[in-house]
Amino acid sequence: MLHNPAKYNIERDTLQCLYKQLNQLEADILSPSILQLVIKKCNEESLAIGLKSCSLSNEFTLYIHHLITELERDDEHISFTQIWLQANTLLVFQQNLFGNVEKKFLKRLLEINKL
């Protein structure tokens, strides 16, 4: 649209303004701290209190257990990187969201990370 604004019947200045706004929105959404800000806001407003013992927390625990088991069984390291990244990320996410992580999962994952 920027290369041929006449085709779309829009002024070039309007398109440039839209382009700048989209870039700012993209930078805000893809900000590395957006998740931390959301979790902090939830904690400040006591929205996360009911999450500590909910079924979602149990589902996270089961899925992390599954991922760690897969990592321990993957002798040839075929899909190691993707599963390793998922397990580490979800463990950190679970800690931030629910405030608890099973110590045995953390120990097992730390052992895998040493490999």
N, C-alpha and C. Protein backbone atom coordinates (compact mmCIF):
# COMPACT_ATOMS: atom_id res chain seq x y z
N MET A 1 0.83 -1.19 0.00
CA MET A 1 0.00 0.00 0.00
C MET A 1 0.87 1.26 0.00
N LEU A 2 2.02 1.19 0.69
CA LEU A 2 2.91 2.36 0.73
C LEU A 2 3.51 2.66 -0.64
N HIS A 3 3.71 1.64 -1.45
CA HIS A 3 4.32 1.84 -2.76
C HIS A 3 3.34 2.43 -3.78
N ASN A 4 2.05 2.18 -3.60
CA ASN A 4 1.06 2.67 -4.54
C ASN A 4 -0.22 3.08 -3.80
N PRO A 5 -0.18 4.20 -3.02
CA PRO A 5 -1.35 4.61 -2.24
C PRO A 5 -2.54 5.04 -3.09
N ALA A 6 -2.29 5.49 -4.29
CA ALA A 6 -3.39 5.92 -5.16
C ALA A 6 -4.29 4.75 -5.53
N LYS A 7 -3.73 3.59 -5.63
CA LYS A 7 -4.48 2.40 -5.97
C LYS A 7 -5.54 2.09 -4.92
N TYR A 8 -5.24 2.42 -3.65
CA TYR A 8 -6.16 2.13 -2.55
C TYR A 8 -6.93 3.35 -2.08
N ASN A 9 -6.73 4.48 -2.76
CA ASN A 9 -7.42 5.72 -2.46
C ASN A 9 -7.18 6.18 -1.01
N ILE A 10 -5.91 6.10 -0.60
CA ILE A 10 -5.51 6.51 0.73
C ILE A 10 -4.30 7.42 0.61
N GLU A 11 -4.26 8.44 1.47
CA GLU A 11 -3.12 9.35 1.44
C GLU A 11 -1.88 8.68 2.03
N ARG A 12 -0.74 9.06 1.49
CA ARG A 12 0.53 8.48 1.93
C ARG A 12 0.80 8.76 3.41
N ASP A 13 0.48 9.94 3.90
CA ASP A 13 0.70 10.28 5.31
C ASP A 13 -0.13 9.39 6.24
N THR A 14 -1.34 9.09 5.84
CA THR A 14 -2.21 8.22 6.63
C THR A 14 -1.61 6.82 6.72
N LEU A 15 -1.10 6.33 5.60
CA LEU A 15 -0.48 5.01 5.59
C LEU A 15 0.78 4.97 6.46
N GLN A 16 1.57 6.04 6.41
CA GLN A 16 2.78 6.07 7.22
C GLN A 16 2.43 6.09 8.71
N CYS A 17 1.38 6.81 9.07
CA CYS A 17 0.92 6.84 10.46
C CYS A 17 0.46 5.45 10.90
N LEU A 18 -0.30 4.79 10.03
CA LEU A 18 -0.77 3.43 10.32
C LEU A 18 0.43 2.48 10.45
N TYR A 19 1.39 2.63 9.60
CA TYR A 19 2.59 1.78 9.63
C TYR A 19 3.34 1.97 10.96
N LYS A 20 3.48 3.21 11.40
CA LYS A 20 4.16 3.47 12.67
C LYS A 20 3.38 2.88 13.84
N GLN A 21 2.05 3.00 13.81
CA GLN A 21 1.23 2.45 14.89
C GLN A 21 1.31 0.93 14.93
N LEU A 22 1.30 0.30 13.77
CA LEU A 22 1.43 -1.16 13.72
C LEU A 22 2.79 -1.63 14.23
N ASN A 23 3.83 -0.89 13.89
CA ASN A 23 5.16 -1.24 14.40
C ASN A 23 5.22 -1.12 15.92
N GLN A 24 4.60 -0.07 16.46
CA GLN A 24 4.58 0.11 17.91
C GLN A 24 3.78 -1.00 18.58
N LEU A 25 2.65 -1.35 18.01
CA LEU A 25 1.82 -2.41 18.55
C LEU A 25 2.56 -3.75 18.51
N GLU A 26 3.24 -4.01 17.41
CA GLU A 26 4.01 -5.24 17.30
C GLU A 26 5.13 -5.28 18.35
N ALA A 27 5.80 -4.16 18.56
CA ALA A 27 6.87 -4.11 19.56
C ALA A 27 6.32 -4.34 20.96
N ASP A 28 5.13 -3.80 21.25
CA ASP A 28 4.51 -3.99 22.56
C ASP A 28 4.09 -5.44 22.77
N ILE A 29 3.50 -6.04 21.75
CA ILE A 29 3.00 -7.40 21.87
C ILE A 29 4.16 -8.39 21.98
N LEU A 30 5.20 -8.18 21.21
CA LEU A 30 6.32 -9.10 21.21
C LEU A 30 7.38 -8.75 22.24
N SER A 31 7.06 -7.83 23.11
CA SER A 31 7.98 -7.44 24.17
C SER A 31 8.29 -8.65 25.05
N PRO A 32 9.55 -8.84 25.41
CA PRO A 32 9.88 -10.02 26.23
C PRO A 32 9.29 -9.97 27.63
N SER A 33 8.88 -8.82 28.08
CA SER A 33 8.37 -8.72 29.44
C SER A 33 6.85 -8.68 29.51
N ILE A 34 6.15 -8.87 28.40
CA ILE A 34 4.69 -8.77 28.42
C ILE A 34 4.07 -9.85 29.30
N LEU A 35 4.60 -11.05 29.28
CA LEU A 35 4.07 -12.12 30.12
C LEU A 35 4.28 -11.79 31.59
N GLN A 36 5.44 -11.29 31.93
CA GLN A 36 5.71 -10.92 33.31
C GLN A 36 4.77 -9.82 33.78
N LEU A 37 4.50 -8.86 32.91
CA LEU A 37 3.60 -7.77 33.28
C LEU A 37 2.17 -8.27 33.50
N VAL A 38 1.72 -9.21 32.67
CA VAL A 38 0.38 -9.77 32.82
C VAL A 38 0.27 -10.55 34.12
N ILE A 39 1.26 -11.37 34.40
CA ILE A 39 1.24 -12.15 35.64
C ILE A 39 1.32 -11.24 36.86
N LYS A 40 2.15 -10.21 36.78
CA LYS A 40 2.25 -9.26 37.89
C LYS A 40 0.92 -8.56 38.13
N LYS A 41 0.25 -8.17 37.05
CA LYS A 41 -1.05 -7.51 37.17
C LYS A 41 -2.08 -8.45 37.79
N CYS A 42 -2.07 -9.71 37.37
CA CYS A 42 -2.99 -10.70 37.94
C CYS A 42 -2.73 -10.88 39.43
N ASN A 43 -1.47 -10.95 39.81
CA ASN A 43 -1.14 -11.11 41.22
C ASN A 43 -1.53 -9.89 42.05
N GLU A 44 -1.35 -8.70 41.47
CA GLU A 44 -1.71 -7.48 42.19
C GLU A 44 -3.22 -7.41 42.43
N GLU A 45 -3.98 -7.92 41.50
CA GLU A 45 -5.43 -7.85 41.62
C GLU A 45 -6.02 -9.15 42.18
N SER A 46 -5.15 -10.00 42.70
CA SER A 46 -5.57 -11.27 43.33
C SER A 46 -6.35 -12.16 42.38
N LEU A 47 -6.04 -12.11 41.11
CA LEU A 47 -6.72 -12.96 40.14
C LEU A 47 -6.11 -14.35 40.08
N ALA A 48 -4.87 -14.49 40.51
CA ALA A 48 -4.18 -15.77 40.40
C ALA A 48 -4.33 -16.63 41.66
N ILE A 49 -4.99 -16.13 42.67
CA ILE A 49 -5.11 -16.88 43.92
C ILE A 49 -5.82 -18.20 43.70
N GLY A 50 -6.87 -18.21 42.92
CA GLY A 50 -7.63 -19.43 42.67
C GLY A 50 -6.95 -20.40 41.73
N LEU A 51 -5.84 -20.02 41.14
CA LEU A 51 -5.17 -20.87 40.17
C LEU A 51 -4.23 -21.89 40.81
N LYS A 52 -3.86 -21.69 42.05
CA LYS A 52 -2.82 -22.51 42.66
C LYS A 52 -3.18 -23.99 42.71
N SER A 53 -4.43 -24.34 42.93
CA SER A 53 -4.78 -25.75 43.03
C SER A 53 -5.86 -26.14 42.02
N CYS A 54 -5.87 -25.49 40.89
CA CYS A 54 -6.91 -25.77 39.90
C CYS A 54 -6.47 -26.91 38.97
N SER A 55 -7.38 -27.37 38.17
CA SER A 55 -7.08 -28.48 37.27
C SER A 55 -6.08 -28.07 36.18
N LEU A 56 -6.03 -26.79 35.85
CA LEU A 56 -5.05 -26.33 34.87
C LEU A 56 -3.64 -26.55 35.38
N SER A 57 -3.42 -26.30 36.65
CA SER A 57 -2.11 -26.54 37.25
C SER A 57 -1.77 -28.03 37.17
N ASN A 58 -2.75 -28.88 37.43
CA ASN A 58 -2.53 -30.33 37.33
C ASN A 58 -2.21 -30.75 35.90
N GLU A 59 -2.87 -30.14 34.93
CA GLU A 59 -2.60 -30.44 33.52
C GLU A 59 -1.18 -30.03 33.14
N PHE A 60 -0.75 -28.87 33.62
CA PHE A 60 0.63 -28.44 33.37
C PHE A 60 1.60 -29.46 33.95
N THR A 61 1.34 -29.89 35.18
CA THR A 61 2.22 -30.85 35.84
C THR A 61 2.30 -32.16 35.06
N LEU A 62 1.16 -32.65 34.62
CA LEU A 62 1.15 -33.90 33.84
C LEU A 62 1.89 -33.75 32.52
N TYR A 63 1.69 -32.62 31.86
CA TYR A 63 2.34 -32.42 30.57
C TYR A 63 3.85 -32.26 30.73
N ILE A 64 4.27 -31.55 31.76
CA ILE A 64 5.71 -31.40 32.02
C ILE A 64 6.32 -32.75 32.34
N HIS A 65 5.61 -33.55 33.12
CA HIS A 65 6.08 -34.91 33.43
C HIS A 65 6.25 -35.72 32.13
N HIS A 66 5.28 -35.60 31.23
CA HIS A 66 5.35 -36.30 29.94
C HIS A 66 6.58 -35.84 29.15
N LEU A 67 6.81 -34.52 29.09
CA LEU A 67 7.94 -33.99 28.33
C LEU A 67 9.27 -34.46 28.91
N ILE A 68 9.38 -34.44 30.23
CA ILE A 68 10.63 -34.86 30.86
C ILE A 68 10.88 -36.34 30.61
N THR A 69 9.83 -37.14 30.67
CA THR A 69 9.95 -38.57 30.38
C THR A 69 10.41 -38.78 28.94
N GLU A 70 9.85 -38.02 28.01
CA GLU A 70 10.28 -38.11 26.61
C GLU A 70 11.76 -37.76 26.46
N LEU A 71 12.19 -36.72 27.16
CA LEU A 71 13.60 -36.32 27.08
C LEU A 71 14.52 -37.40 27.63
N GLU A 72 14.11 -38.03 28.69
CA GLU A 72 14.93 -39.07 29.29
C GLU A 72 15.00 -40.32 28.41
N ARG A 73 13.96 -40.58 27.63
CA ARG A 73 13.93 -41.75 26.75
C ARG A 73 14.59 -41.51 25.41
N ASP A 74 14.77 -40.26 25.02
CA ASP A 74 15.29 -39.92 23.69
C ASP A 74 16.80 -40.08 23.66
N ASP A 75 17.27 -41.31 23.45
CA ASP A 75 18.70 -41.60 23.46
C ASP A 75 19.43 -41.00 22.26
N GLU A 76 18.76 -40.93 21.15
CA GLU A 76 19.41 -40.46 19.92
C GLU A 76 19.25 -38.95 19.73
N HIS A 77 18.58 -38.29 20.63
CA HIS A 77 18.37 -36.84 20.59
C HIS A 77 17.73 -36.37 19.28
N ILE A 78 16.77 -37.14 18.82
CA ILE A 78 16.11 -36.81 17.55
C ILE A 78 15.28 -35.53 17.70
N SER A 79 14.44 -35.47 18.70
CA SER A 79 13.59 -34.29 18.89
C SER A 79 13.95 -33.59 20.20
N PHE A 80 15.18 -33.70 20.61
CA PHE A 80 15.62 -33.20 21.91
C PHE A 80 15.41 -31.69 22.06
N THR A 81 15.84 -30.91 21.08
CA THR A 81 15.83 -29.45 21.20
C THR A 81 14.43 -28.90 21.42
N GLN A 82 13.48 -29.32 20.62
CA GLN A 82 12.12 -28.79 20.73
C GLN A 82 11.48 -29.20 22.06
N ILE A 83 11.59 -30.45 22.43
CA ILE A 83 10.99 -30.91 23.68
C ILE A 83 11.72 -30.29 24.87
N TRP A 84 13.02 -30.18 24.79
CA TRP A 84 13.81 -29.56 25.85
C TRP A 84 13.36 -28.12 26.08
N LEU A 85 13.18 -27.38 25.00
CA LEU A 85 12.74 -25.99 25.10
C LEU A 85 11.34 -25.90 25.69
N GLN A 86 10.43 -26.76 25.25
CA GLN A 86 9.07 -26.78 25.78
C GLN A 86 9.06 -27.08 27.28
N ALA A 87 9.82 -28.07 27.70
CA ALA A 87 9.84 -28.46 29.11
C ALA A 87 10.37 -27.34 29.98
N ASN A 88 11.46 -26.73 29.58
CA ASN A 88 12.04 -25.63 30.36
C ASN A 88 11.11 -24.43 30.42
N THR A 89 10.54 -24.09 29.29
CA THR A 89 9.64 -22.94 29.23
C THR A 89 8.39 -23.17 30.06
N LEU A 90 7.80 -24.33 29.94
CA LEU A 90 6.58 -24.61 30.70
C LEU A 90 6.84 -24.68 32.20
N LEU A 91 8.00 -25.17 32.60
CA LEU A 91 8.32 -25.22 34.02
C LEU A 91 8.43 -23.80 34.59
N VAL A 92 9.08 -22.92 33.86
CA VAL A 92 9.19 -21.53 34.30
C VAL A 92 7.82 -20.86 34.29
N PHE A 93 7.05 -21.11 33.25
CA PHE A 93 5.70 -20.53 33.15
C PHE A 93 4.82 -21.02 34.30
N GLN A 94 4.90 -22.31 34.61
CA GLN A 94 4.11 -22.85 35.71
C GLN A 94 4.51 -22.20 37.04
N GLN A 95 5.81 -22.01 37.24
CA GLN A 95 6.27 -21.38 38.46
C GLN A 95 5.74 -19.96 38.58
N ASN A 96 5.78 -19.22 37.48
CA ASN A 96 5.31 -17.84 37.51
C ASN A 96 3.80 -17.74 37.65
N LEU A 97 3.08 -18.63 37.00
CA LEU A 97 1.63 -18.54 37.00
C LEU A 97 1.00 -19.12 38.26
N PHE A 98 1.47 -20.28 38.68
CA PHE A 98 0.84 -20.97 39.80
C PHE A 98 1.63 -20.86 41.10
N GLY A 99 2.88 -20.47 41.01
CA GLY A 99 3.68 -20.29 42.21
C GLY A 99 4.22 -21.58 42.80
N ASN A 100 4.11 -22.68 42.07
CA ASN A 100 4.64 -23.93 42.59
C ASN A 100 5.17 -24.80 41.45
N VAL A 101 6.23 -25.51 41.77
CA VAL A 101 6.81 -26.48 40.85
C VAL A 101 7.24 -27.66 41.68
N GLU A 102 6.96 -28.84 41.19
CA GLU A 102 7.38 -30.03 41.92
C GLU A 102 8.90 -30.13 41.86
N LYS A 103 9.50 -30.28 43.01
CA LYS A 103 10.97 -30.30 43.12
C LYS A 103 11.59 -31.46 42.33
N LYS A 104 10.89 -32.60 42.27
CA LYS A 104 11.46 -33.74 41.54
C LYS A 104 11.54 -33.44 40.04
N PHE A 105 10.55 -32.69 39.50
CA PHE A 105 10.62 -32.32 38.09
C PHE A 105 11.78 -31.37 37.85
N LEU A 106 11.95 -30.44 38.77
CA LEU A 106 13.04 -29.48 38.64
C LEU A 106 14.39 -30.19 38.67
N LYS A 107 14.58 -31.14 39.57
CA LYS A 107 15.83 -31.89 39.64
C LYS A 107 16.07 -32.69 38.37
N ARG A 108 15.03 -33.37 37.90
CA ARG A 108 15.16 -34.17 36.67
C ARG A 108 15.51 -33.29 35.48
N LEU A 109 14.86 -32.14 35.37
CA LEU A 109 15.12 -31.25 34.25
C LEU A 109 16.52 -30.64 34.35
N LEU A 110 16.97 -30.33 35.55
CA LEU A 110 18.32 -29.82 35.71
C LEU A 110 19.36 -30.86 35.31
N GLU A 111 19.11 -32.12 35.60
CA GLU A 111 20.00 -33.19 35.17
C GLU A 111 20.05 -33.29 33.65
N ILE A 112 18.89 -33.16 33.02
CA ILE A 112 18.83 -33.20 31.56
C ILE A 112 19.55 -32.00 30.97
N ASN A 113 19.41 -30.84 31.59
CA ASN A 113 20.06 -29.62 31.10
C ASN A 113 21.58 -29.73 31.15
N LYS A 114 22.10 -30.54 32.05
CA LYS A 114 23.55 -30.71 32.14
C LYS A 114 24.12 -31.48 30.96
N LEU A 115 23.27 -32.26 30.28
CA LEU A 115 23.73 -33.04 29.13
C LEU A 115 24.10 -32.12 28.05
